[in-house]
């Protein structure tokens, strides 16, 4: 199954409004069934972590965790 992770807005500005709008878009696009994590520290945030492209990752909805399952380098 797929899921979506979203970085948090820079300086945590308008975080709640941002999440409300994200949920509206997911609903409008018929994607409300997907696991979603918000407020992640990647992208244009500080602090930030790097997400490797094309690597297997897991959203554990029960444990409320996100894990990168493969090495970030090939």
PDB file of N, CA and C in Angstrom:
ATOM      1  N   UNK A   1       0.839  -1.187   0.000  1.00  0.00           N
ATOM      2  CA  UNK A   1       0.000   0.000   0.000  1.00  0.00           C
ATOM      3  C   UNK A   1       0.877   1.240   0.000  1.00  0.00           C
ATOM      4  N   UNK A   2       0.354   2.281  -0.536  1.00  0.00           N
ATOM      5  CA  UNK A   2       1.077   3.544  -0.587  1.00  0.00           C
ATOM      6  C   UNK A   2       0.593   4.471   0.517  1.00  0.00           C
ATOM      7  N   UNK A   3       1.349   5.498   0.759  1.00  0.00           N
ATOM      8  CA  UNK A   3       0.985   6.533   1.712  1.00  0.00           C
ATOM      9  C   UNK A   3       1.652   7.830   1.291  1.00  0.00           C
ATOM     10  N   UNK A   4       1.386   8.879   2.035  1.00  0.00           N
ATOM     11  CA  UNK A   4       1.936  10.192   1.719  1.00  0.00           C
ATOM     12  C   UNK A   4       2.495  10.808   2.992  1.00  0.00           C
ATOM     13  N   UNK A   5       3.677  11.408   2.870  1.00  0.00           N
ATOM     14  CA  UNK A   5       4.219  12.197   3.975  1.00  0.00           C
ATOM     15  C   UNK A   5       4.377  13.632   3.492  1.00  0.00           C
ATOM     16  N   UNK A   6       4.090  14.562   4.368  1.00  0.00           N
ATOM     17  CA  UNK A   6       4.184  15.985   4.060  1.00  0.00           C
ATOM     18  C   UNK A   6       5.137  16.639   5.051  1.00  0.00           C
ATOM     19  N   UNK A   7       6.011  17.492   4.525  1.00  0.00           N
ATOM     20  CA  UNK A   7       6.845  18.298   5.403  1.00  0.00           C
ATOM     21  C   UNK A   7       6.009  19.374   6.064  1.00  0.00           C
ATOM     22  N   UNK A   8       6.492  19.821   7.186  1.00  0.00           N
ATOM     23  CA  UNK A   8       5.765  20.880   7.887  1.00  0.00           C
ATOM     24  C   UNK A   8       6.091  22.231   7.271  1.00  0.00           C
ATOM     25  N   UNK A   9       5.182  23.182   7.410  1.00  0.00           N
ATOM     26  CA  UNK A   9       5.476  24.525   6.904  1.00  0.00           C
ATOM     27  C   UNK A   9       6.669  25.136   7.647  1.00  0.00           C
ATOM     28  N   UNK A  10       7.456  25.917   6.934  1.00  0.00           N
ATOM     29  CA  UNK A  10       8.623  26.568   7.540  1.00  0.00           C
ATOM     30  C   UNK A  10       8.201  27.407   8.737  1.00  0.00           C
ATOM     31  N   UNK A  11       8.967  27.317   9.800  1.00  0.00           N
ATOM     32  CA  UNK A  11       8.712  28.037  11.061  1.00  0.00           C
ATOM     33  C   UNK A  11       7.348  27.697  11.665  1.00  0.00           C
ATOM     34  N   UNK A  12       6.774  26.555  11.262  1.00  0.00           N
ATOM     35  CA  UNK A  12       5.476  26.103  11.779  1.00  0.00           C
ATOM     36  C   UNK A  12       4.357  27.120  11.581  1.00  0.00           C
ATOM     37  N   UNK A  13       4.485  27.949  10.556  1.00  0.00           N
ATOM     38  CA  UNK A  13       3.450  28.945  10.282  1.00  0.00           C
ATOM     39  C   UNK A  13       2.229  28.282   9.665  1.00  0.00           C
ATOM     40  N   UNK A  14       1.079  28.594  10.175  1.00  0.00           N
ATOM     41  CA  UNK A  14      -0.204  28.153   9.619  1.00  0.00           C
ATOM     42  C   UNK A  14      -0.344  26.634   9.530  1.00  0.00           C
ATOM     43  N   UNK A  15       0.261  25.911  10.460  1.00  0.00           N
ATOM     44  CA  UNK A  15       0.279  24.444  10.396  1.00  0.00           C
ATOM     45  C   UNK A  15      -1.118  23.851  10.377  1.00  0.00           C
ATOM     46  N   UNK A  16      -1.989  24.302  11.241  1.00  0.00           N
ATOM     47  CA  UNK A  16      -3.339  23.719  11.289  1.00  0.00           C
ATOM     48  C   UNK A  16      -4.123  24.025  10.014  1.00  0.00           C
ATOM     49  N   UNK A  17      -4.039  25.243   9.505  1.00  0.00           N
ATOM     50  CA  UNK A  17      -4.727  25.575   8.255  1.00  0.00           C
ATOM     51  C   UNK A  17      -4.167  24.745   7.094  1.00  0.00           C
ATOM     52  N   UNK A  18      -2.860  24.568   7.075  1.00  0.00           N
ATOM     53  CA  UNK A  18      -2.173  23.771   6.059  1.00  0.00           C
ATOM     54  C   UNK A  18      -2.723  22.342   6.056  1.00  0.00           C
ATOM     55  N   UNK A  19      -2.843  21.741   7.232  1.00  0.00           N
ATOM     56  CA  UNK A  19      -3.341  20.371   7.326  1.00  0.00           C
ATOM     57  C   UNK A  19      -4.807  20.263   6.921  1.00  0.00           C
ATOM     58  N   UNK A  20      -5.606  21.249   7.261  1.00  0.00           N
ATOM     59  CA  UNK A  20      -7.013  21.254   6.859  1.00  0.00           C
ATOM     60  C   UNK A  20      -7.116  21.263   5.336  1.00  0.00           C
ATOM     61  N   UNK A  21      -6.319  22.100   4.685  1.00  0.00           N
ATOM     62  CA  UNK A  21      -6.341  22.168   3.226  1.00  0.00           C
ATOM     63  C   UNK A  21      -5.821  20.882   2.589  1.00  0.00           C
ATOM     64  N   UNK A  22      -4.785  20.287   3.174  1.00  0.00           N
ATOM     65  CA  UNK A  22      -4.278  19.011   2.659  1.00  0.00           C
ATOM     66  C   UNK A  22      -5.355  17.939   2.705  1.00  0.00           C
ATOM     67  N   UNK A  23      -6.077  17.869   3.815  1.00  0.00           N
ATOM     68  CA  UNK A  23      -7.145  16.870   3.942  1.00  0.00           C
ATOM     69  C   UNK A  23      -8.261  17.115   2.930  1.00  0.00           C
ATOM     70  N   UNK A  24      -8.575  18.380   2.666  1.00  0.00           N
ATOM     71  CA  UNK A  24      -9.595  18.695   1.658  1.00  0.00           C
ATOM     72  C   UNK A  24      -9.164  18.186   0.280  1.00  0.00           C
ATOM     73  N   UNK A  25      -7.902  18.435  -0.079  1.00  0.00           N
ATOM     74  CA  UNK A  25      -7.400  18.002  -1.388  1.00  0.00           C
ATOM     75  C   UNK A  25      -7.406  16.483  -1.485  1.00  0.00           C
ATOM     76  N   UNK A  26      -6.951  15.798  -0.442  1.00  0.00           N
ATOM     77  CA  UNK A  26      -6.964  14.333  -0.455  1.00  0.00           C
ATOM     78  C   UNK A  26      -8.381  13.800  -0.631  1.00  0.00           C
ATOM     79  N   UNK A  27      -9.331  14.413   0.045  1.00  0.00           N
ATOM     80  CA  UNK A  27     -10.726  13.995  -0.079  1.00  0.00           C
ATOM     81  C   UNK A  27     -11.248  14.252  -1.491  1.00  0.00           C
ATOM     82  N   UNK A  28     -10.978  15.434  -2.024  1.00  0.00           N
ATOM     83  CA  UNK A  28     -11.437  15.782  -3.375  1.00  0.00           C
ATOM     84  C   UNK A  28     -10.854  14.845  -4.436  1.00  0.00           C
ATOM     85  N   UNK A  29      -9.631  14.383  -4.216  1.00  0.00           N
ATOM     86  CA  UNK A  29      -8.961  13.517  -5.180  1.00  0.00           C
ATOM     87  C   UNK A  29      -9.246  12.028  -4.935  1.00  0.00           C
ATOM     88  N   UNK A  30     -10.091  11.731  -3.941  1.00  0.00           N
ATOM     89  CA  UNK A  30     -10.426  10.343  -3.644  1.00  0.00           C
ATOM     90  C   UNK A  30      -9.294   9.575  -2.999  1.00  0.00           C
ATOM     91  N   UNK A  31      -8.436  10.268  -2.273  1.00  0.00           N
ATOM     92  CA  UNK A  31      -7.272   9.647  -1.645  1.00  0.00           C
ATOM     93  C   UNK A  31      -7.359   9.607  -0.124  1.00  0.00           C
ATOM     94  N   UNK A  32      -8.538   9.792   0.422  1.00  0.00           N
ATOM     95  CA  UNK A  32      -8.675   9.871   1.876  1.00  0.00           C
ATOM     96  C   UNK A  32      -8.403   8.539   2.573  1.00  0.00           C
ATOM     97  N   UNK A  33      -8.303   7.456   1.817  1.00  0.00           N
ATOM     98  CA  UNK A  33      -8.016   6.141   2.394  1.00  0.00           C
ATOM     99  C   UNK A  33      -6.520   5.941   2.664  1.00  0.00           C
ATOM    100  N   UNK A  34      -5.664   6.789   2.078  1.00  0.00           N
ATOM    101  CA  UNK A  34      -4.224   6.624   2.221  1.00  0.00           C
ATOM    102  C   UNK A  34      -3.738   7.012   3.608  1.00  0.00           C
ATOM    103  N   UNK A  35      -2.738   6.295   4.142  1.00  0.00           N
ATOM    104  CA  UNK A  35      -2.082   6.755   5.370  1.00  0.00           C
ATOM    105  C   UNK A  35      -1.341   8.057   5.079  1.00  0.00           C
ATOM    106  N   UNK A  36      -1.457   9.027   5.961  1.00  0.00           N
ATOM    107  CA  UNK A  36      -0.829  10.334   5.774  1.00  0.00           C
ATOM    108  C   UNK A  36      -0.127  10.735   7.062  1.00  0.00           C
ATOM    109  N   UNK A  37       1.092  11.236   6.913  1.00  0.00           N
ATOM    110  CA  UNK A  37       1.827  11.821   8.039  1.00  0.00           C
ATOM    111  C   UNK A  37       2.124  13.264   7.669  1.00  0.00           C
ATOM    112  N   UNK A  38       1.900  14.176   8.586  1.00  0.00           N
ATOM    113  CA  UNK A  38       2.225  15.581   8.375  1.00  0.00           C
ATOM    114  C   UNK A  38       3.257  16.013   9.409  1.00  0.00           C
ATOM    115  N   UNK A  39       3.748  17.228   9.247  1.00  0.00           N
ATOM    116  CA  UNK A  39       4.708  17.846  10.167  1.00  0.00           C
ATOM    117  C   UNK A  39       6.058  17.133  10.187  1.00  0.00           C
ATOM    118  N   UNK A  40       6.455  16.584   9.059  1.00  0.00           N
ATOM    119  CA  UNK A  40       7.757  15.925   8.970  1.00  0.00           C
ATOM    120  C   UNK A  40       8.846  16.974   8.753  1.00  0.00           C
ATOM    121  N   UNK A  41      10.033  16.710   9.273  1.00  0.00           N
ATOM    122  CA  UNK A  41      11.160  17.639   9.167  1.00  0.00           C
ATOM    123  C   UNK A  41      12.009  17.350   7.938  1.00  0.00           C
ATOM    124  N   UNK A  42      11.436  17.547   6.747  1.00  0.00           N
ATOM    125  CA  UNK A  42      12.211  17.468   5.511  1.00  0.00           C
ATOM    126  C   UNK A  42      11.728  18.575   4.594  1.00  0.00           C
ATOM    127  N   UNK A  43      12.502  18.845   3.571  1.00  0.00           N
ATOM    128  CA  UNK A  43      12.148  19.932   2.668  1.00  0.00           C
ATOM    129  C   UNK A  43      12.752  21.236   3.161  1.00  0.00           C
ATOM    130  N   UNK A  44      11.967  22.298   3.150  1.00  0.00           N
ATOM    131  CA  UNK A  44      12.460  23.631   3.517  1.00  0.00           C
ATOM    132  C   UNK A  44      12.152  23.931   4.976  1.00  0.00           C
ATOM    133  N   UNK A  45      12.646  23.074   5.859  1.00  0.00           N
ATOM    134  CA  UNK A  45      12.437  23.260   7.291  1.00  0.00           C
ATOM    135  C   UNK A  45      13.782  23.282   7.987  1.00  0.00           C
ATOM    136  N   UNK A  46      13.766  23.619   9.231  1.00  0.00           N
ATOM    137  CA  UNK A  46      14.970  23.572  10.048  1.00  0.00           C
ATOM    138  C   UNK A  46      14.537  23.137  11.440  1.00  0.00           C
ATOM    139  N   UNK A  47      14.967  22.035  11.963  1.00  0.00           N
ATOM    140  CA  UNK A  47      15.938  21.099  11.393  1.00  0.00           C
ATOM    141  C   UNK A  47      15.336  20.323  10.223  1.00  0.00           C
ATOM    142  N   UNK A  48      16.203  19.603   9.507  1.00  0.00           N
ATOM    143  CA  UNK A  48      15.743  18.846   8.359  1.00  0.00           C
ATOM    144  C   UNK A  48      16.470  17.514   8.272  1.00  0.00           C
ATOM    145  N   UNK A  49      15.815  16.531   7.699  1.00  0.00           N
ATOM    146  CA  UNK A  49      16.496  15.273   7.384  1.00  0.00           C
ATOM    147  C   UNK A  49      16.316  15.003   5.900  1.00  0.00           C
ATOM    148  N   UNK A  50      17.164  14.141   5.380  1.00  0.00           N
ATOM    149  CA  UNK A  50      17.163  13.841   3.952  1.00  0.00           C
ATOM    150  C   UNK A  50      16.376  12.576   3.685  1.00  0.00           C
ATOM    151  N   UNK A  51      15.501  12.637   2.695  1.00  0.00           N
ATOM    152  CA  UNK A  51      14.761  11.458   2.252  1.00  0.00           C
ATOM    153  C   UNK A  51      15.377  10.946   0.961  1.00  0.00           C
ATOM    154  N   UNK A  52      15.859   9.725   0.942  1.00  0.00           N
ATOM    155  CA  UNK A  52      16.411   9.193  -0.303  1.00  0.00           C
ATOM    156  C   UNK A  52      15.288   8.859  -1.284  1.00  0.00           C
ATOM    157  N   UNK A  53      15.466   9.219  -2.545  1.00  0.00           N
ATOM    158  CA  UNK A  53      14.486   8.916  -3.588  1.00  0.00           C
ATOM    159  C   UNK A  53      14.572   7.444  -3.979  1.00  0.00           C
ATOM    160  N   UNK A  54      13.429   6.855  -4.266  1.00  0.00           N
ATOM    161  CA  UNK A  54      13.392   5.516  -4.812  1.00  0.00           C
ATOM    162  C   UNK A  54      13.706   4.413  -3.836  1.00  0.00           C
ATOM    163  N   UNK A  55      13.629   4.677  -2.551  1.00  0.00           N
ATOM    164  CA  UNK A  55      13.910   3.656  -1.543  1.00  0.00           C
ATOM    165  C   UNK A  55      12.615   3.270  -0.846  1.00  0.00           C
ATOM    166  N   UNK A  56      12.554   2.015  -0.423  1.00  0.00           N
ATOM    167  CA  UNK A  56      11.375   1.495   0.251  1.00  0.00           C
ATOM    168  C   UNK A  56      11.261   2.089   1.652  1.00  0.00           C
ATOM    169  N   UNK A  57      10.065   2.542   1.982  1.00  0.00           N
ATOM    170  CA  UNK A  57       9.804   3.113   3.304  1.00  0.00           C
ATOM    171  C   UNK A  57       8.479   2.559   3.811  1.00  0.00           C
ATOM    172  N   UNK A  58       8.215   2.769   5.087  1.00  0.00           N
ATOM    173  CA  UNK A  58       7.004   2.226   5.698  1.00  0.00           C
ATOM    174  C   UNK A  58       6.368   3.251   6.626  1.00  0.00           C
ATOM    175  N   UNK A  59       5.056   3.391   6.493  1.00  0.00           N
ATOM    176  CA  UNK A  59       4.259   4.131   7.464  1.00  0.00           C
ATOM    177  C   UNK A  59       3.529   3.093   8.296  1.00  0.00           C
ATOM    178  N   UNK A  60       3.803   3.067   9.589  1.00  0.00           N
ATOM    179  CA  UNK A  60       3.135   2.149  10.497  1.00  0.00           C
ATOM    180  C   UNK A  60       2.059   2.939  11.237  1.00  0.00           C
ATOM    181  N   UNK A  61       0.811   2.763  10.806  1.00  0.00           N
ATOM    182  CA  UNK A  61      -0.288   3.545  11.375  1.00  0.00           C
ATOM    183  C   UNK A  61      -0.561   3.167  12.828  1.00  0.00           C
ATOM    184  N   UNK A  62      -0.402   1.912  13.164  1.00  0.00           N
ATOM    185  CA  UNK A  62      -0.666   1.477  14.539  1.00  0.00           C
ATOM    186  C   UNK A  62       0.414   2.003  15.477  1.00  0.00           C
ATOM    187  N   UNK A  63       1.675   1.839  15.072  1.00  0.00           N
ATOM    188  CA  UNK A  63       2.779   2.307  15.901  1.00  0.00           C
ATOM    189  C   UNK A  63       3.083   3.781  15.745  1.00  0.00           C
ATOM    190  N   UNK A  64       2.413   4.419  14.756  1.00  0.00           N
ATOM    191  CA  UNK A  64       2.610   5.843  14.473  1.00  0.00           C
ATOM    192  C   UNK A  64       4.075   6.169  14.217  1.00  0.00           C
ATOM    193  N   UNK A  65       4.681   5.363  13.289  1.00  0.00           N
ATOM    194  CA  UNK A  65       6.076   5.560  12.952  1.00  0.00           C
ATOM    195  C   UNK A  65       6.255   5.618  11.443  1.00  0.00           C
ATOM    196  N   UNK A  66       7.375   6.186  11.042  1.00  0.00           N
ATOM    197  CA  UNK A  66       7.813   6.208   9.647  1.00  0.00           C
ATOM    198  C   UNK A  66       9.235   5.699   9.619  1.00  0.00           C
ATOM    199  N   UNK A  67       9.527   4.734   8.751  1.00  0.00           N
ATOM    200  CA  UNK A  67      10.842   4.143   8.667  1.00  0.00           C
ATOM    201  C   UNK A  67      11.294   4.046   7.221  1.00  0.00           C
ATOM    202  N   UNK A  68      12.555   4.324   6.978  1.00  0.00           N
ATOM    203  CA  UNK A  68      13.157   4.068   5.675  1.00  0.00           C
ATOM    204  C   UNK A  68      13.776   2.682   5.786  1.00  0.00           C
ATOM    205  N   UNK A  69      13.346   1.769   4.936  1.00  0.00           N
ATOM    206  CA  UNK A  69      13.697   0.359   5.075  1.00  0.00           C
ATOM    207  C   UNK A  69      14.925  -0.062   4.278  1.00  0.00           C
ATOM    208  N   UNK A  70      15.391   0.793   3.365  1.00  0.00           N
ATOM    209  CA  UNK A  70      16.548   0.465   2.545  1.00  0.00           C
ATOM    210  C   UNK A  70      17.620   1.534   2.725  1.00  0.00           C
ATOM    211  N   UNK A  71      18.844   1.162   2.407  1.00  0.00           N
ATOM    212  CA  UNK A  71      19.947   2.109   2.461  1.00  0.00           C
ATOM    213  C   UNK A  71      19.670   3.277   1.517  1.00  0.00           C
ATOM    214  N   UNK A  72      20.099   4.449   1.919  1.00  0.00           N
ATOM    215  CA  UNK A  72      19.923   5.625   1.090  1.00  0.00           C
ATOM    216  C   UNK A  72      20.927   5.723  -0.039  1.00  0.00           C
ATOM    217  N   UNK A  73      21.940   4.862  -0.030  1.00  0.00           N
ATOM    218  CA  UNK A  73      22.931   4.852  -1.110  1.00  0.00           C
ATOM    219  C   UNK A  73      22.976   3.491  -1.755  1.00  0.00           C
ATOM    220  N   UNK A  74      23.235   3.478  -3.052  1.00  0.00           N
ATOM    221  CA  UNK A  74      23.281   2.199  -3.775  1.00  0.00           C
ATOM    222  C   UNK A  74      24.709   1.777  -4.027  1.00  0.00           C
TER     223      UNK A  74
END
